[in-house]
N, C-alpha and C. Protein backbone atom coordinates (compact mmCIF):
# COMPACT_ATOMS: atom_id res chain seq x y z
N MET A 1 139.80 168.98 60.59
CA MET A 1 138.72 169.82 61.05
C MET A 1 139.23 170.71 62.17
N LEU A 2 138.61 171.84 62.32
CA LEU A 2 139.03 172.81 63.31
C LEU A 2 138.04 172.86 64.45
N ALA A 3 138.55 172.93 65.65
CA ALA A 3 137.68 173.05 66.82
C ALA A 3 137.28 174.51 66.99
N VAL A 4 136.06 174.72 67.38
CA VAL A 4 135.57 176.07 67.64
C VAL A 4 135.59 176.28 69.14
N PRO A 5 136.21 177.39 69.59
CA PRO A 5 136.26 177.62 71.03
C PRO A 5 134.88 177.85 71.61
N ALA A 6 134.71 177.44 72.84
CA ALA A 6 133.44 177.68 73.53
C ALA A 6 133.29 179.16 73.81
N MET A 7 132.07 179.61 73.85
CA MET A 7 131.80 181.02 74.13
C MET A 7 132.09 181.31 75.58
N THR A 8 132.63 182.51 75.80
CA THR A 8 132.82 182.96 77.16
C THR A 8 132.18 184.32 77.30
N ALA A 9 131.50 184.52 78.38
CA ALA A 9 130.89 185.81 78.67
C ALA A 9 130.87 185.98 80.17
N THR A 10 131.03 187.19 80.60
CA THR A 10 130.97 187.44 82.03
C THR A 10 129.51 187.49 82.43
N PRO A 11 129.20 187.28 83.71
CA PRO A 11 127.81 187.32 84.14
C PRO A 11 127.15 188.67 83.84
N ASP A 12 127.94 189.73 83.84
CA ASP A 12 127.38 191.06 83.58
C ASP A 12 127.17 191.33 82.10
N THR A 13 127.87 190.58 81.24
CA THR A 13 127.79 190.83 79.81
C THR A 13 127.52 189.52 79.09
N PRO A 14 126.26 189.19 78.85
CA PRO A 14 125.98 187.96 78.11
C PRO A 14 126.58 188.03 76.71
N ALA A 15 126.89 186.87 76.16
CA ALA A 15 127.51 186.81 74.84
C ALA A 15 126.69 187.55 73.80
N SER A 16 125.37 187.53 73.92
CA SER A 16 124.53 188.18 72.92
C SER A 16 124.69 189.70 72.94
N GLN A 17 125.26 190.26 74.02
CA GLN A 17 125.44 191.70 74.10
C GLN A 17 126.88 192.13 73.83
N GLU A 18 127.79 191.19 73.75
CA GLU A 18 129.19 191.51 73.45
C GLU A 18 129.27 191.98 72.00
N PRO A 19 130.19 192.89 71.70
CA PRO A 19 130.31 193.32 70.31
C PRO A 19 130.83 192.19 69.43
N TRP A 20 130.39 192.18 68.21
CA TRP A 20 130.86 191.18 67.24
C TRP A 20 132.27 191.55 66.80
N GLY A 21 133.08 190.53 66.56
CA GLY A 21 134.45 190.77 66.10
C GLY A 21 134.51 191.52 64.79
N HIS A 22 133.60 191.20 63.87
CA HIS A 22 133.63 191.85 62.56
C HIS A 22 133.32 193.34 62.64
N ALA A 23 132.79 193.80 63.77
CA ALA A 23 132.50 195.22 63.96
C ALA A 23 133.69 195.96 64.60
N HIS A 24 134.70 195.23 65.02
CA HIS A 24 135.85 195.84 65.68
C HIS A 24 136.73 196.56 64.65
N PRO A 25 137.23 197.76 64.98
CA PRO A 25 138.04 198.50 64.00
C PRO A 25 139.35 197.81 63.64
N ASP A 26 139.86 196.91 64.49
CA ASP A 26 141.11 196.20 64.20
C ASP A 26 140.89 194.87 63.47
N CYS A 27 139.69 194.63 62.99
CA CYS A 27 139.38 193.37 62.32
C CYS A 27 139.89 193.43 60.88
N ARG A 28 141.21 193.32 60.75
CA ARG A 28 141.88 193.37 59.45
C ARG A 28 143.07 192.41 59.48
N GLY A 29 143.41 191.87 58.32
CA GLY A 29 144.59 191.03 58.21
C GLY A 29 144.53 189.81 59.12
N ALA A 30 145.69 189.47 59.68
CA ALA A 30 145.78 188.26 60.52
C ALA A 30 144.89 188.36 61.75
N THR A 31 144.69 189.55 62.28
CA THR A 31 143.84 189.73 63.45
C THR A 31 142.40 189.33 63.14
N ALA A 32 141.99 189.49 61.90
CA ALA A 32 140.62 189.14 61.51
C ALA A 32 140.31 187.67 61.79
N PHE A 33 141.31 186.81 61.67
CA PHE A 33 141.07 185.38 61.90
C PHE A 33 140.72 185.11 63.36
N LEU A 34 141.35 185.85 64.26
CA LEU A 34 141.05 185.67 65.68
C LEU A 34 139.64 186.14 66.00
N PHE A 35 139.26 187.28 65.43
CA PHE A 35 137.88 187.75 65.60
C PHE A 35 136.90 186.76 64.96
N PHE A 36 137.28 186.23 63.80
CA PHE A 36 136.41 185.31 63.09
C PHE A 36 136.13 184.05 63.90
N THR A 37 137.16 183.48 64.53
CA THR A 37 136.92 182.25 65.30
C THR A 37 135.95 182.51 66.45
N SER A 38 136.06 183.67 67.07
CA SER A 38 135.13 184.01 68.14
C SER A 38 133.72 184.20 67.59
N ASP A 39 133.61 184.92 66.49
CA ASP A 39 132.29 185.13 65.87
C ASP A 39 131.69 183.82 65.39
N LEU A 40 132.53 182.93 64.88
CA LEU A 40 132.05 181.63 64.40
C LEU A 40 131.49 180.81 65.56
N ALA A 41 132.22 180.75 66.65
CA ALA A 41 131.73 180.01 67.82
C ALA A 41 130.43 180.61 68.32
N ARG A 42 130.36 181.92 68.37
CA ARG A 42 129.15 182.60 68.84
C ARG A 42 127.97 182.30 67.93
N THR A 43 128.20 182.36 66.64
CA THR A 43 127.14 182.10 65.66
C THR A 43 126.61 180.68 65.80
N VAL A 44 127.50 179.71 65.82
CA VAL A 44 127.09 178.31 65.93
C VAL A 44 126.36 178.08 67.25
N ASN A 45 126.92 178.58 68.34
CA ASN A 45 126.28 178.39 69.65
C ASN A 45 124.89 179.02 69.70
N GLN A 46 124.75 180.23 69.17
CA GLN A 46 123.44 180.89 69.18
C GLN A 46 122.42 180.11 68.36
N GLU A 47 122.82 179.66 67.21
CA GLU A 47 121.88 178.97 66.32
C GLU A 47 121.49 177.58 66.85
N LEU A 48 122.41 176.92 67.51
CA LEU A 48 122.14 175.54 67.94
C LEU A 48 121.62 175.44 69.36
N SER A 49 121.52 176.56 70.05
CA SER A 49 121.03 176.52 71.43
C SER A 49 119.52 176.74 71.52
N GLN A 50 118.87 176.84 70.38
CA GLN A 50 117.44 177.16 70.35
C GLN A 50 116.52 175.96 70.46
N GLY A 51 117.06 174.77 70.45
CA GLY A 51 116.19 173.59 70.52
C GLY A 51 116.99 172.34 70.27
N PRO A 52 116.33 171.29 69.79
CA PRO A 52 117.04 170.02 69.59
C PRO A 52 118.09 170.14 68.48
N LEU A 53 119.13 169.35 68.62
CA LEU A 53 120.20 169.31 67.63
C LEU A 53 119.78 168.33 66.54
N ASP A 54 119.12 168.87 65.51
CA ASP A 54 118.63 168.03 64.44
C ASP A 54 118.98 168.67 63.09
N ALA A 55 118.51 168.07 62.02
CA ALA A 55 118.83 168.55 60.67
C ALA A 55 118.33 169.98 60.44
N ALA A 56 117.18 170.32 60.95
CA ALA A 56 116.65 171.67 60.77
C ALA A 56 117.52 172.70 61.49
N ALA A 57 117.93 172.39 62.71
CA ALA A 57 118.81 173.29 63.46
C ALA A 57 120.15 173.44 62.74
N LEU A 58 120.66 172.34 62.22
CA LEU A 58 121.93 172.38 61.51
C LEU A 58 121.81 173.23 60.25
N ALA A 59 120.69 173.12 59.54
CA ALA A 59 120.48 173.94 58.34
C ALA A 59 120.43 175.43 58.68
N ARG A 60 119.74 175.78 59.77
CA ARG A 60 119.70 177.19 60.21
C ARG A 60 121.10 177.68 60.57
N ALA A 61 121.84 176.86 61.29
CA ALA A 61 123.20 177.24 61.68
C ALA A 61 124.09 177.38 60.44
N GLN A 62 123.90 176.51 59.46
CA GLN A 62 124.71 176.59 58.24
C GLN A 62 124.45 177.91 57.51
N LEU A 63 123.20 178.32 57.43
CA LEU A 63 122.87 179.61 56.80
C LEU A 63 123.54 180.76 57.55
N ALA A 64 123.53 180.70 58.87
CA ALA A 64 124.15 181.76 59.68
C ALA A 64 125.66 181.78 59.50
N VAL A 65 126.27 180.62 59.41
CA VAL A 65 127.72 180.54 59.20
C VAL A 65 128.08 181.07 57.80
N ASP A 66 127.29 180.70 56.80
CA ASP A 66 127.52 181.22 55.45
C ASP A 66 127.43 182.74 55.43
N ALA A 67 126.45 183.29 56.14
CA ALA A 67 126.28 184.74 56.21
C ALA A 67 127.47 185.39 56.93
N LEU A 68 128.00 184.72 57.96
CA LEU A 68 129.15 185.26 58.68
C LEU A 68 130.38 185.30 57.77
N VAL A 69 130.64 184.24 57.05
CA VAL A 69 131.78 184.23 56.12
C VAL A 69 131.60 185.37 55.11
N GLN A 70 130.38 185.51 54.58
CA GLN A 70 130.13 186.58 53.61
C GLN A 70 130.34 187.96 54.24
N ARG A 71 129.99 188.11 55.51
CA ARG A 71 130.20 189.38 56.22
C ARG A 71 131.68 189.73 56.24
N TYR A 72 132.52 188.74 56.51
CA TYR A 72 133.97 188.98 56.53
C TYR A 72 134.50 189.31 55.14
N VAL A 73 133.90 188.74 54.11
CA VAL A 73 134.26 189.09 52.74
C VAL A 73 133.83 190.54 52.47
N ASP A 74 132.60 190.88 52.84
CA ASP A 74 132.06 192.21 52.57
C ASP A 74 132.85 193.33 53.23
N ILE A 75 133.34 193.10 54.45
CA ILE A 75 134.09 194.15 55.14
C ILE A 75 135.57 194.14 54.74
N GLN A 76 135.94 193.21 53.89
CA GLN A 76 137.32 193.06 53.42
C GLN A 76 138.30 192.92 54.58
N ALA A 77 137.93 192.09 55.54
CA ALA A 77 138.77 191.85 56.71
C ALA A 77 140.13 191.29 56.31
N ALA A 78 140.11 190.33 55.44
CA ALA A 78 141.32 189.73 54.87
C ALA A 78 140.87 189.22 53.50
N PRO A 79 140.78 190.14 52.52
CA PRO A 79 140.11 189.81 51.25
C PRO A 79 140.55 188.51 50.60
N ALA A 80 141.83 188.25 50.53
CA ALA A 80 142.29 187.04 49.86
C ALA A 80 141.99 185.79 50.67
N ALA A 81 141.75 185.94 51.96
CA ALA A 81 141.59 184.78 52.83
C ALA A 81 140.16 184.26 52.90
N PHE A 82 139.17 185.14 52.91
CA PHE A 82 137.79 184.71 53.12
C PHE A 82 137.01 184.49 51.82
N ALA A 83 137.37 185.20 50.77
CA ALA A 83 136.63 185.08 49.51
C ALA A 83 136.73 183.64 48.98
N GLY A 84 135.58 183.08 48.65
CA GLY A 84 135.53 181.74 48.08
C GLY A 84 135.71 180.61 49.08
N GLN A 85 135.81 180.92 50.36
CA GLN A 85 136.02 179.88 51.37
C GLN A 85 134.67 179.38 51.89
N ARG A 86 134.69 178.21 52.48
CA ARG A 86 133.45 177.60 52.96
C ARG A 86 133.69 176.86 54.26
N ILE A 87 132.70 176.91 55.09
CA ILE A 87 132.69 176.12 56.32
C ILE A 87 131.41 175.29 56.28
N ARG A 88 131.57 173.99 56.36
CA ARG A 88 130.43 173.09 56.31
C ARG A 88 130.20 172.48 57.69
N LEU A 89 128.99 172.59 58.17
CA LEU A 89 128.62 171.98 59.44
C LEU A 89 128.03 170.61 59.18
N LYS A 90 128.36 169.67 60.05
CA LYS A 90 127.73 168.35 59.92
C LYS A 90 127.59 167.72 61.29
N LEU A 91 126.56 166.90 61.42
CA LEU A 91 126.31 166.18 62.66
C LEU A 91 127.12 164.90 62.66
N GLU A 92 127.77 164.66 63.79
CA GLU A 92 128.50 163.41 63.97
C GLU A 92 128.09 162.82 65.31
N ALA A 93 127.96 161.52 65.34
CA ALA A 93 127.62 160.85 66.59
C ALA A 93 128.26 159.48 66.61
N GLY A 94 128.78 159.14 67.77
CA GLY A 94 129.30 157.80 67.96
C GLY A 94 128.15 156.86 68.26
N PRO A 95 128.43 155.58 68.38
CA PRO A 95 127.35 154.61 68.62
C PRO A 95 126.57 154.87 69.90
N ASP A 96 127.24 155.32 70.96
CA ASP A 96 126.56 155.57 72.23
C ASP A 96 126.67 157.02 72.66
N ALA A 97 126.95 157.91 71.72
CA ALA A 97 127.17 159.31 72.08
C ALA A 97 126.08 160.20 71.48
N ALA A 98 125.87 161.30 72.14
CA ALA A 98 124.92 162.29 71.61
C ALA A 98 125.53 162.94 70.37
N PRO A 99 124.69 163.39 69.44
CA PRO A 99 125.25 164.04 68.24
C PRO A 99 126.00 165.31 68.60
N GLN A 100 127.06 165.56 67.85
CA GLN A 100 127.86 166.77 67.99
C GLN A 100 128.03 167.39 66.62
N VAL A 101 128.31 168.70 66.62
CA VAL A 101 128.52 169.39 65.36
C VAL A 101 130.01 169.47 65.06
N ALA A 102 130.36 169.06 63.87
CA ALA A 102 131.74 169.16 63.40
C ALA A 102 131.80 170.22 62.30
N LEU A 103 132.92 170.90 62.22
CA LEU A 103 133.13 171.92 61.19
C LEU A 103 134.16 171.44 60.20
N GLU A 104 133.84 171.52 58.93
CA GLU A 104 134.81 171.26 57.88
C GLU A 104 135.06 172.58 57.18
N MET A 105 136.31 173.03 57.22
CA MET A 105 136.66 174.30 56.60
C MET A 105 137.44 174.06 55.33
N SER A 106 137.39 175.04 54.46
CA SER A 106 138.28 175.02 53.30
C SER A 106 139.70 174.94 53.85
N PRO A 107 140.56 174.12 53.25
CA PRO A 107 141.92 173.94 53.78
C PRO A 107 142.70 175.26 53.93
N ASP A 108 142.57 176.15 52.97
CA ASP A 108 143.31 177.42 53.05
C ASP A 108 142.85 178.25 54.25
N LEU A 109 141.55 178.33 54.46
CA LEU A 109 141.02 179.10 55.58
C LEU A 109 141.45 178.47 56.90
N GLU A 110 141.35 177.16 56.99
CA GLU A 110 141.76 176.47 58.22
C GLU A 110 143.24 176.73 58.51
N ASP A 111 144.10 176.62 57.50
CA ASP A 111 145.54 176.85 57.70
C ASP A 111 145.80 178.28 58.17
N GLN A 112 145.11 179.24 57.61
CA GLN A 112 145.33 180.64 57.99
C GLN A 112 144.84 180.92 59.41
N ILE A 113 143.75 180.31 59.81
CA ILE A 113 143.25 180.48 61.17
C ILE A 113 144.23 179.84 62.16
N ILE A 114 144.71 178.65 61.85
CA ILE A 114 145.66 177.98 62.74
C ILE A 114 146.93 178.81 62.88
N GLU A 115 147.41 179.35 61.79
CA GLU A 115 148.62 180.18 61.84
C GLU A 115 148.39 181.46 62.65
N ALA A 116 147.25 182.09 62.50
CA ALA A 116 146.94 183.30 63.28
C ALA A 116 146.87 182.97 64.77
N GLN A 117 146.28 181.82 65.10
CA GLN A 117 146.21 181.41 66.51
C GLN A 117 147.59 181.10 67.05
N ARG A 118 148.43 180.46 66.24
CA ARG A 118 149.80 180.15 66.67
C ARG A 118 150.56 181.44 66.96
N LEU A 119 150.46 182.41 66.07
CA LEU A 119 151.15 183.69 66.26
C LEU A 119 150.63 184.42 67.50
N ALA A 120 149.34 184.39 67.71
CA ALA A 120 148.76 185.05 68.88
C ALA A 120 149.26 184.40 70.17
N HIS A 121 149.33 183.08 70.19
CA HIS A 121 149.83 182.37 71.38
C HIS A 121 151.31 182.67 71.58
N GLN A 122 152.06 182.72 70.49
CA GLN A 122 153.48 183.02 70.57
C GLN A 122 153.71 184.43 71.11
N GLN A 123 152.94 185.38 70.62
CA GLN A 123 153.07 186.76 71.09
C GLN A 123 152.67 186.88 72.55
N ALA A 124 151.62 186.16 72.94
CA ALA A 124 151.19 186.20 74.34
C ALA A 124 152.27 185.59 75.25
N ALA A 125 152.90 184.51 74.81
CA ALA A 125 153.94 183.87 75.60
C ALA A 125 155.16 184.78 75.72
N MET A 126 155.49 185.49 74.67
CA MET A 126 156.63 186.40 74.71
C MET A 126 156.35 187.58 75.62
N GLY A 127 155.10 188.00 75.70
CA GLY A 127 154.72 189.12 76.55
C GLY A 127 154.78 188.77 78.03
N ARG A 128 154.73 187.48 78.35
CA ARG A 128 154.79 187.04 79.74
C ARG A 128 156.21 186.91 80.25
N HIS A 129 157.17 186.91 79.37
CA HIS A 129 158.57 186.72 79.80
C HIS A 129 159.25 188.03 80.06
């Protein structure tokens, strides 16, 4: 399973006002995966912050995630990567823990996102030297 990064927003720019990654002109190829992970975190956070974390909230979030994946297919961000892929949300809870949302991604999509993140970290590290 893949971890979704927490949303970050400056006090002057709430996350709801930040531009969506899929609207960015550079949202193509490997870069699309980086925008996608941000959009995915934003989508899940927005949908699940509206009330209790229950089956109804999870169903609403699942619909929003499905629509986000379809959006990336529609804009042809990385056509071979997003078409036919799925992200499934599910509630998990330990015996004494509050429920948390876990993401199950299609293996191909997960591998491509991990590789894009690895390359981005590698490029960032090279830029610091």
